[in-house]
Amino acid sequence: MDSPVHRAEPAVGHEEPGTAIVAASPEGPFFVFQQADGYRAPVWPPVDGEQRPMMHFDFQVGDLDSAVTEAVALGATLAETQPQDNVRVLFDPAGHPFCLCYDA
């Protein structure tokens, strides 16, 4: 694999207005995405009274710096607060936080 970010061709198993179910294979795992009226992007790190993250993914990577560079090129933004040297917190285009983790 040339890239530190794995690329899979997901299969959309079900789609209707406002909802999509995506899986890497027919056996899953399955991810359900639904449109949310009145959506507010979560705040990270959490702040009392603000929208908290609704989900969180950690992705193991072989080269942290390259993976961050590629994620940013694909539309992610780097969070100002970084809790660990081997982890980078980023936000997807909708504002959901996720982590790229390097485990030496």
Protein backbone atom coordinates (compact mmCIF):
# COMPACT_ATOMS: atom_id res chain seq x y z
CA MET A 1 0.00 0.00 0.00
CA ASP A 2 1.57 3.26 -1.14
CA SER A 3 -0.63 5.58 0.89
CA PRO A 4 -0.82 5.86 4.69
CA VAL A 5 -4.61 6.26 4.33
CA HIS A 6 -6.42 3.07 3.28
CA ARG A 7 -8.78 3.50 0.35
CA ALA A 8 -11.69 1.11 0.02
CA GLU A 9 -14.49 1.18 -2.50
CA PRO A 10 -17.53 1.33 -0.22
CA ALA A 11 -20.81 -0.14 -1.33
CA VAL A 12 -23.94 1.91 -0.72
CA GLY A 13 -26.42 -0.72 0.40
CA HIS A 14 -29.42 1.52 0.90
CA GLU A 15 -30.13 5.07 -0.03
CA GLU A 16 -33.13 7.33 0.42
CA PRO A 17 -33.48 11.07 0.92
CA GLY A 18 -31.47 12.03 3.99
CA THR A 19 -30.16 8.49 4.72
CA ALA A 20 -27.38 6.30 3.35
CA ILE A 21 -26.00 2.99 4.63
CA VAL A 22 -22.41 2.31 3.58
CA ALA A 23 -20.39 -0.90 3.99
CA ALA A 24 -16.96 -2.02 2.84
CA SER A 25 -18.41 -5.48 2.16
CA PRO A 26 -21.85 -7.14 2.23
CA GLU A 27 -20.99 -8.57 5.67
CA GLY A 28 -20.30 -5.12 7.14
CA PRO A 29 -19.46 -3.29 9.19
CA PHE A 30 -22.25 -0.92 8.26
CA PHE A 31 -22.27 2.83 8.78
CA VAL A 32 -25.58 4.66 8.69
CA PHE A 33 -25.52 8.35 7.82
CA GLN A 34 -28.62 10.49 8.32
CA GLN A 35 -29.27 14.13 7.62
CA ALA A 36 -29.89 16.08 10.83
CA ASP A 37 -32.13 19.12 10.72
CA GLY A 38 -30.73 21.91 12.89
CA TYR A 39 -27.25 20.34 12.83
CA ARG A 40 -24.61 22.06 14.95
CA ALA A 41 -20.99 21.01 14.57
CA PRO A 42 -19.56 19.53 17.78
CA VAL A 43 -17.04 21.45 19.85
CA TRP A 44 -13.75 19.76 20.72
CA PRO A 45 -12.35 19.69 23.29
CA PRO A 46 -15.82 19.53 24.89
CA VAL A 47 -17.25 22.73 26.40
CA ASP A 48 -20.19 22.76 28.84
CA GLY A 49 -23.38 23.82 27.10
CA GLU A 50 -22.03 23.23 23.58
CA GLN A 51 -22.71 20.34 21.18
CA ARG A 52 -20.60 17.33 22.17
CA PRO A 53 -19.13 14.95 19.57
CA MET A 54 -21.72 12.38 18.48
CA MET A 55 -19.25 9.81 17.19
CA HIS A 56 -15.53 9.30 17.07
CA PHE A 57 -13.24 7.20 14.90
CA ASP A 58 -9.59 6.38 15.57
CA PHE A 59 -7.54 5.30 12.54
CA GLN A 60 -4.19 3.54 12.98
CA VAL A 61 -1.60 4.85 10.51
CA GLY A 62 1.95 3.86 9.62
CA ASP A 63 3.21 7.41 9.09
CA LEU A 64 1.46 10.09 11.13
CA ASP A 65 2.76 13.15 9.29
CA SER A 66 1.94 11.74 5.84
CA ALA A 67 -1.51 10.62 6.96
CA VAL A 68 -2.27 14.10 8.36
CA THR A 69 -1.09 15.72 5.12
CA GLU A 70 -3.30 13.44 3.06
CA ALA A 71 -6.34 13.87 5.33
CA VAL A 72 -6.00 17.66 5.11
CA ALA A 73 -5.70 17.42 1.31
CA LEU A 74 -8.97 15.45 1.32
CA GLY A 75 -10.80 18.17 3.30
CA ALA A 76 -10.01 17.57 6.99
CA THR A 77 -8.77 20.32 9.27
CA LEU A 78 -6.29 19.94 12.09
CA ALA A 79 -7.58 20.71 15.60
CA GLU A 80 -5.74 23.37 17.59
CA THR A 81 -5.58 21.13 20.68
CA GLN A 82 -3.47 17.97 20.30
CA PRO A 83 -3.53 15.73 23.41
CA GLN A 84 -0.69 13.30 22.58
CA ASP A 85 2.50 13.19 20.51
CA ASN A 86 1.43 10.04 18.63
CA VAL A 87 -2.16 11.18 17.92
CA ARG A 88 -3.52 13.93 15.72
CA VAL A 89 -7.09 15.15 16.16
CA LEU A 90 -8.72 16.39 12.97
CA PHE A 91 -12.22 17.43 11.92
CA ASP A 92 -14.09 16.12 8.89
CA PRO A 93 -15.77 18.74 6.64
CA ALA A 94 -18.96 18.60 8.80
CA GLY A 95 -16.97 19.25 11.98
CA HIS A 96 -16.86 15.74 13.46
CA PRO A 97 -13.56 15.02 15.24
CA PHE A 98 -11.53 11.92 14.41
CA CYS A 99 -8.02 10.78 15.29
CA LEU A 100 -5.06 9.51 13.32
CA CYS A 101 -2.97 7.36 15.65
CA TYR A 102 0.58 6.11 15.25
CA ASP A 103 1.41 3.15 17.47
CA ALA A 104 5.19 2.56 17.30
